[in-house]
């Protein structure tokens, strides 16, 4: 039972240390790609409506799918 407890404590401590090291590394040494993609995604406009006019049947279908999408 003592060996099992020691192994459990070791892996618990190791997991805590690795998690803390990972998040500290992300804070103090961020990758340049992450900040650039985050800013670009915030600037993007999301366009859900097609450019052409929709037919009545397409509008009814779209309304039906949006009603159940929530």
PDB file of N, CA and C in Angstrom:
ATOM      1  N   UNK A   1       0.823  -1.194   0.000  1.00  0.00           N
ATOM      2  CA  UNK A   1       0.000   0.000   0.000  1.00  0.00           C
ATOM      3  C   UNK A   1       0.865   1.255   0.000  1.00  0.00           C
ATOM      4  N   UNK A   2       2.025   1.168   0.629  1.00  0.00           N
ATOM      5  CA  UNK A   2       2.902   2.335   0.670  1.00  0.00           C
ATOM      6  C   UNK A   2       3.438   2.680  -0.710  1.00  0.00           C
ATOM      7  N   UNK A   3       3.788   1.678  -1.505  1.00  0.00           N
ATOM      8  CA  UNK A   3       4.310   1.931  -2.850  1.00  0.00           C
ATOM      9  C   UNK A   3       3.232   2.564  -3.727  1.00  0.00           C
ATOM     10  N   UNK A   4       2.003   2.080  -3.579  1.00  0.00           N
ATOM     11  CA  UNK A   4       0.891   2.644  -4.357  1.00  0.00           C
ATOM     12  C   UNK A   4       0.670   4.116  -4.001  1.00  0.00           C
ATOM     13  N   UNK A   5       0.747   4.439  -2.727  1.00  0.00           N
ATOM     14  CA  UNK A   5       0.579   5.822  -2.277  1.00  0.00           C
ATOM     15  C   UNK A   5       1.699   6.703  -2.815  1.00  0.00           C
ATOM     16  N   UNK A   6       2.913   6.191  -2.799  1.00  0.00           N
ATOM     17  CA  UNK A   6       4.055   6.957  -3.305  1.00  0.00           C
ATOM     18  C   UNK A   6       3.898   7.226  -4.798  1.00  0.00           C
ATOM     19  N   UNK A   7       3.490   6.225  -5.549  1.00  0.00           N
ATOM     20  CA  UNK A   7       3.280   6.400  -6.992  1.00  0.00           C
ATOM     21  C   UNK A   7       2.166   7.401  -7.243  1.00  0.00           C
ATOM     22  N   UNK A   8       1.093   7.324  -6.485  1.00  0.00           N
ATOM     23  CA  UNK A   8      -0.026   8.254  -6.628  1.00  0.00           C
ATOM     24  C   UNK A   8       0.410   9.689  -6.342  1.00  0.00           C
ATOM     25  N   UNK A   9       1.167   9.872  -5.281  1.00  0.00           N
ATOM     26  CA  UNK A   9       1.668  11.208  -4.935  1.00  0.00           C
ATOM     27  C   UNK A   9       2.617  11.713  -6.015  1.00  0.00           C
ATOM     28  N   UNK A  10       3.483  10.840  -6.523  1.00  0.00           N
ATOM     29  CA  UNK A  10       4.432  11.240  -7.559  1.00  0.00           C
ATOM     30  C   UNK A  10       3.705  11.732  -8.806  1.00  0.00           C
ATOM     31  N   UNK A  11       2.747  10.940  -9.299  1.00  0.00           N
ATOM     32  CA  UNK A  11       2.050  11.336 -10.521  1.00  0.00           C
ATOM     33  C   UNK A  11       1.171  12.560 -10.301  1.00  0.00           C
ATOM     34  N   UNK A  12       0.607  12.698  -9.121  1.00  0.00           N
ATOM     35  CA  UNK A  12      -0.177  13.891  -8.811  1.00  0.00           C
ATOM     36  C   UNK A  12       0.683  15.138  -8.811  1.00  0.00           C
ATOM     37  N   UNK A  13       1.849  15.048  -8.192  1.00  0.00           N
ATOM     38  CA  UNK A  13       2.778  16.176  -8.160  1.00  0.00           C
ATOM     39  C   UNK A  13       3.314  16.475  -9.551  1.00  0.00           C
ATOM     40  N   UNK A  14       3.654  15.443 -10.288  1.00  0.00           N
ATOM     41  CA  UNK A  14       4.172  15.611 -11.647  1.00  0.00           C
ATOM     42  C   UNK A  14       3.120  16.263 -12.546  1.00  0.00           C
ATOM     43  N   UNK A  15       1.880  15.814 -12.445  1.00  0.00           N
ATOM     44  CA  UNK A  15       0.809  16.391 -13.257  1.00  0.00           C
ATOM     45  C   UNK A  15       0.565  17.849 -12.922  1.00  0.00           C
ATOM     46  N   UNK A  16       0.580  18.172 -11.638  1.00  0.00           N
ATOM     47  CA  UNK A  16       0.394  19.564 -11.220  1.00  0.00           C
ATOM     48  C   UNK A  16       1.532  20.434 -11.734  1.00  0.00           C
ATOM     49  N   UNK A  17       2.754  19.949 -11.614  1.00  0.00           N
ATOM     50  CA  UNK A  17       3.916  20.708 -12.080  1.00  0.00           C
ATOM     51  C   UNK A  17       3.865  20.930 -13.585  1.00  0.00           C
ATOM     52  N   UNK A  18       3.554  19.889 -14.348  1.00  0.00           N
ATOM     53  CA  UNK A  18       3.527  20.014 -15.808  1.00  0.00           C
ATOM     54  C   UNK A  18       2.402  20.939 -16.266  1.00  0.00           C
ATOM     55  N   UNK A  19       1.267  20.884 -15.594  1.00  0.00           N
ATOM     56  CA  UNK A  19       0.162  21.778 -15.944  1.00  0.00           C
ATOM     57  C   UNK A  19       0.542  23.224 -15.672  1.00  0.00           C
ATOM     58  N   UNK A  20       1.137  23.479 -14.524  1.00  0.00           N
ATOM     59  CA  UNK A  20       1.560  24.843 -14.189  1.00  0.00           C
ATOM     60  C   UNK A  20       2.634  25.325 -15.157  1.00  0.00           C
ATOM     61  N   UNK A  21       3.579  24.465 -15.490  1.00  0.00           N
ATOM     62  CA  UNK A  21       4.644  24.850 -16.422  1.00  0.00           C
ATOM     63  C   UNK A  21       4.081  25.158 -17.800  1.00  0.00           C
ATOM     64  N   UNK A  22       3.101  24.393 -18.240  1.00  0.00           N
ATOM     65  CA  UNK A  22       2.490  24.616 -19.554  1.00  0.00           C
ATOM     66  C   UNK A  22       1.812  25.978 -19.610  1.00  0.00           C
ATOM     67  N   UNK A  23       1.006  26.292 -18.614  1.00  0.00           N
ATOM     68  CA  UNK A  23       0.286  27.565 -18.640  1.00  0.00           C
ATOM     69  C   UNK A  23       1.216  28.754 -18.430  1.00  0.00           C
ATOM     70  N   UNK A  24       2.227  28.600 -17.596  1.00  0.00           N
ATOM     71  CA  UNK A  24       3.195  29.687 -17.434  1.00  0.00           C
ATOM     72  C   UNK A  24       3.972  29.921 -18.724  1.00  0.00           C
ATOM     73  N   UNK A  25       4.311  28.855 -19.430  1.00  0.00           N
ATOM     74  CA  UNK A  25       5.014  29.000 -20.707  1.00  0.00           C
ATOM     75  C   UNK A  25       4.126  29.699 -21.726  1.00  0.00           C
ATOM     76  N   UNK A  26       2.830  29.403 -21.718  1.00  0.00           N
ATOM     77  CA  UNK A  26       1.921  30.068 -22.659  1.00  0.00           C
ATOM     78  C   UNK A  26       1.779  31.549 -22.335  1.00  0.00           C
ATOM     79  N   UNK A  27       1.870  31.905 -21.061  1.00  0.00           N
ATOM     80  CA  UNK A  27       1.741  33.313 -20.673  1.00  0.00           C
ATOM     81  C   UNK A  27       3.025  34.080 -20.966  1.00  0.00           C
ATOM     82  N   UNK A  28       4.164  33.534 -20.573  1.00  0.00           N
ATOM     83  CA  UNK A  28       5.417  34.270 -20.696  1.00  0.00           C
ATOM     84  C   UNK A  28       6.080  34.125 -22.061  1.00  0.00           C
ATOM     85  N   UNK A  29       5.809  33.052 -22.773  1.00  0.00           N
ATOM     86  CA  UNK A  29       6.399  32.838 -24.093  1.00  0.00           C
ATOM     87  C   UNK A  29       5.316  32.481 -25.112  1.00  0.00           C
ATOM     88  N   UNK A  30       4.407  33.405 -25.402  1.00  0.00           N
ATOM     89  CA  UNK A  30       3.347  33.073 -26.368  1.00  0.00           C
ATOM     90  C   UNK A  30       3.913  32.954 -27.775  1.00  0.00           C
ATOM     91  N   UNK A  31       3.316  32.082 -28.560  1.00  0.00           N
ATOM     92  CA  UNK A  31       3.727  31.951 -29.948  1.00  0.00           C
ATOM     93  C   UNK A  31       3.167  33.125 -30.738  1.00  0.00           C
ATOM     94  N   UNK A  32       3.938  33.620 -31.682  1.00  0.00           N
ATOM     95  CA  UNK A  32       3.487  34.772 -32.459  1.00  0.00           C
ATOM     96  C   UNK A  32       2.272  34.419 -33.300  1.00  0.00           C
ATOM     97  N   UNK A  33       2.176  33.174 -33.751  1.00  0.00           N
ATOM     98  CA  UNK A  33       1.052  32.762 -34.592  1.00  0.00           C
ATOM     99  C   UNK A  33      -0.272  32.874 -33.841  1.00  0.00           C
ATOM    100  N   UNK A  34      -0.264  32.526 -32.557  1.00  0.00           N
ATOM    101  CA  UNK A  34      -1.505  32.523 -31.789  1.00  0.00           C
ATOM    102  C   UNK A  34      -2.088  33.919 -31.670  1.00  0.00           C
ATOM    103  N   UNK A  35      -1.250  34.912 -31.394  1.00  0.00           N
ATOM    104  CA  UNK A  35      -1.766  36.270 -31.241  1.00  0.00           C
ATOM    105  C   UNK A  35      -2.242  36.820 -32.575  1.00  0.00           C
ATOM    106  N   UNK A  36      -1.547  36.488 -33.658  1.00  0.00           N
ATOM    107  CA  UNK A  36      -1.950  36.990 -34.972  1.00  0.00           C
ATOM    108  C   UNK A  36      -3.270  36.376 -35.411  1.00  0.00           C
ATOM    109  N   UNK A  37      -3.438  35.092 -35.199  1.00  0.00           N
ATOM    110  CA  UNK A  37      -4.686  34.453 -35.629  1.00  0.00           C
ATOM    111  C   UNK A  37      -5.850  34.884 -34.756  1.00  0.00           C
ATOM    112  N   UNK A  38      -5.595  35.145 -33.485  1.00  0.00           N
ATOM    113  CA  UNK A  38      -6.682  35.596 -32.614  1.00  0.00           C
ATOM    114  C   UNK A  38      -7.187  36.961 -33.065  1.00  0.00           C
ATOM    115  N   UNK A  39      -6.273  37.876 -33.378  1.00  0.00           N
ATOM    116  CA  UNK A  39      -6.683  39.206 -33.815  1.00  0.00           C
ATOM    117  C   UNK A  39      -7.377  39.143 -35.167  1.00  0.00           C
ATOM    118  N   UNK A  40      -6.892  38.304 -36.063  1.00  0.00           N
ATOM    119  CA  UNK A  40      -7.501  38.192 -37.389  1.00  0.00           C
ATOM    120  C   UNK A  40      -8.904  37.612 -37.287  1.00  0.00           C
ATOM    121  N   UNK A  41      -9.097  36.652 -36.407  1.00  0.00           N
ATOM    122  CA  UNK A  41     -10.426  36.048 -36.294  1.00  0.00           C
ATOM    123  C   UNK A  41     -11.421  37.026 -35.692  1.00  0.00           C
ATOM    124  N   UNK A  42     -10.953  37.952 -34.865  1.00  0.00           N
ATOM    125  CA  UNK A  42     -11.863  38.948 -34.308  1.00  0.00           C
ATOM    126  C   UNK A  42     -12.263  39.982 -35.358  1.00  0.00           C
ATOM    127  N   UNK A  43     -11.384  40.239 -36.316  1.00  0.00           N
ATOM    128  CA  UNK A  43     -11.678  41.233 -37.349  1.00  0.00           C
ATOM    129  C   UNK A  43     -12.562  40.692 -38.464  1.00  0.00           C
ATOM    130  N   UNK A  44     -12.598  39.378 -38.619  1.00  0.00           N
ATOM    131  CA  UNK A  44     -13.356  38.794 -39.725  1.00  0.00           C
ATOM    132  C   UNK A  44     -14.844  39.034 -39.559  1.00  0.00           C
ATOM    133  N   UNK A  45     -15.496  39.343 -40.670  1.00  0.00           N
ATOM    134  CA  UNK A  45     -16.957  39.424 -40.662  1.00  0.00           C
ATOM    135  C   UNK A  45     -17.489  38.060 -41.054  1.00  0.00           C
ATOM    136  N   UNK A  46     -18.447  37.611 -40.323  1.00  0.00           N
ATOM    137  CA  UNK A  46     -19.054  36.327 -40.658  1.00  0.00           C
ATOM    138  C   UNK A  46     -20.278  36.587 -41.517  1.00  0.00           C
ATOM    139  N   UNK A  47     -20.318  35.947 -42.641  1.00  0.00           N
ATOM    140  CA  UNK A  47     -21.416  36.154 -43.574  1.00  0.00           C
ATOM    141  C   UNK A  47     -22.195  34.856 -43.710  1.00  0.00           C
ATOM    142  N   UNK A  48     -23.432  34.882 -43.252  1.00  0.00           N
ATOM    143  CA  UNK A  48     -24.268  33.699 -43.320  1.00  0.00           C
ATOM    144  C   UNK A  48     -25.263  33.763 -44.472  1.00  0.00           C
ATOM    145  N   UNK A  49     -25.549  34.960 -44.952  1.00  0.00           N
ATOM    146  CA  UNK A  49     -26.568  35.132 -45.983  1.00  0.00           C
ATOM    147  C   UNK A  49     -25.904  35.147 -47.349  1.00  0.00           C
ATOM    148  N   UNK A  50     -26.378  34.340 -48.277  1.00  0.00           N
ATOM    149  CA  UNK A  50     -25.812  34.364 -49.626  1.00  0.00           C
ATOM    150  C   UNK A  50     -26.090  35.694 -50.317  1.00  0.00           C
ATOM    151  N   UNK A  51     -25.301  36.003 -51.337  1.00  0.00           N
ATOM    152  CA  UNK A  51     -25.447  37.281 -52.038  1.00  0.00           C
ATOM    153  C   UNK A  51     -26.719  37.331 -52.880  1.00  0.00           C
ATOM    154  N   UNK A  52     -27.148  36.226 -53.450  1.00  0.00           N
ATOM    155  CA  UNK A  52     -28.342  36.257 -54.300  1.00  0.00           C
ATOM    156  C   UNK A  52     -29.591  36.175 -53.442  1.00  0.00           C
ATOM    157  N   UNK A  53     -30.700  36.594 -54.009  1.00  0.00           N
ATOM    158  CA  UNK A  53     -31.971  36.516 -53.284  1.00  0.00           C
ATOM    159  C   UNK A  53     -32.417  35.060 -53.192  1.00  0.00           C
ATOM    160  N   UNK A  54     -32.953  34.713 -52.053  1.00  0.00           N
ATOM    161  CA  UNK A  54     -33.409  33.345 -51.851  1.00  0.00           C
ATOM    162  C   UNK A  54     -34.852  33.204 -52.316  1.00  0.00           C
ATOM    163  N   UNK A  55     -35.158  32.025 -52.815  1.00  0.00           N
ATOM    164  CA  UNK A  55     -36.540  31.751 -53.209  1.00  0.00           C
ATOM    165  C   UNK A  55     -37.382  31.518 -51.955  1.00  0.00           C
ATOM    166  N   UNK A  56     -38.682  31.513 -52.126  1.00  0.00           N
ATOM    167  CA  UNK A  56     -39.589  31.295 -50.993  1.00  0.00           C
ATOM    168  C   UNK A  56     -39.341  29.935 -50.350  1.00  0.00           C
ATOM    169  N   UNK A  57     -39.134  28.931 -51.171  1.00  0.00           N
ATOM    170  CA  UNK A  57     -38.880  27.582 -50.652  1.00  0.00           C
ATOM    171  C   UNK A  57     -37.581  27.553 -49.842  1.00  0.00           C
ATOM    172  N   UNK A  58     -36.542  28.223 -50.340  1.00  0.00           N
ATOM    173  CA  UNK A  58     -35.270  28.268 -49.610  1.00  0.00           C
ATOM    174  C   UNK A  58     -35.424  29.013 -48.293  1.00  0.00           C
ATOM    175  N   UNK A  59     -36.195  30.103 -48.301  1.00  0.00           N
ATOM    176  CA  UNK A  59     -36.417  30.847 -47.062  1.00  0.00           C
ATOM    177  C   UNK A  59     -37.161  30.000 -46.035  1.00  0.00           C
ATOM    178  N   UNK A  60     -38.159  29.260 -46.492  1.00  0.00           N
ATOM    179  CA  UNK A  60     -38.903  28.400 -45.573  1.00  0.00           C
ATOM    180  C   UNK A  60     -37.999  27.318 -44.992  1.00  0.00           C
ATOM    181  N   UNK A  61     -37.146  26.753 -45.829  1.00  0.00           N
ATOM    182  CA  UNK A  61     -36.209  25.725 -45.362  1.00  0.00           C
ATOM    183  C   UNK A  61     -35.231  26.316 -44.353  1.00  0.00           C
ATOM    184  N   UNK A  62     -34.726  27.516 -44.669  1.00  0.00           N
ATOM    185  CA  UNK A  62     -33.768  28.166 -43.782  1.00  0.00           C
ATOM    186  C   UNK A  62     -34.414  28.496 -42.443  1.00  0.00           C
ATOM    187  N   UNK A  63     -35.622  29.005 -42.474  1.00  0.00           N
ATOM    188  CA  UNK A  63     -36.323  29.315 -41.225  1.00  0.00           C
ATOM    189  C   UNK A  63     -36.563  28.050 -40.409  1.00  0.00           C
ATOM    190  N   UNK A  64     -36.887  26.975 -41.079  1.00  0.00           N
ATOM    191  CA  UNK A  64     -37.115  25.717 -40.372  1.00  0.00           C
ATOM    192  C   UNK A  64     -35.859  25.193 -39.713  1.00  0.00           C
ATOM    193  N   UNK A  65     -34.714  25.308 -40.401  1.00  0.00           N
ATOM    194  CA  UNK A  65     -33.463  24.804 -39.819  1.00  0.00           C
ATOM    195  C   UNK A  65     -32.987  25.706 -38.698  1.00  0.00           C
ATOM    196  N   UNK A  66     -33.192  27.023 -38.833  1.00  0.00           N
ATOM    197  CA  UNK A  66     -32.754  27.929 -37.771  1.00  0.00           C
ATOM    198  C   UNK A  66     -33.610  27.771 -36.518  1.00  0.00           C
ATOM    199  N   UNK A  67     -34.852  27.405 -36.706  1.00  0.00           N
ATOM    200  CA  UNK A  67     -35.748  27.239 -35.566  1.00  0.00           C
ATOM    201  C   UNK A  67     -35.254  26.105 -34.665  1.00  0.00           C
ATOM    202  N   UNK A  68     -34.733  25.041 -35.275  1.00  0.00           N
ATOM    203  CA  UNK A  68     -34.298  23.882 -34.491  1.00  0.00           C
ATOM    204  C   UNK A  68     -32.808  23.916 -34.157  1.00  0.00           C
ATOM    205  N   UNK A  69     -32.097  24.923 -34.632  1.00  0.00           N
ATOM    206  CA  UNK A  69     -30.654  24.976 -34.392  1.00  0.00           C
ATOM    207  C   UNK A  69     -30.319  25.429 -32.980  1.00  0.00           C
ATOM    208  N   UNK A  70     -31.257  26.034 -32.284  1.00  0.00           N
ATOM    209  CA  UNK A  70     -30.966  26.600 -30.960  1.00  0.00           C
ATOM    210  C   UNK A  70     -30.858  25.570 -29.893  1.00  0.00           C
TER     211      UNK A  70
END
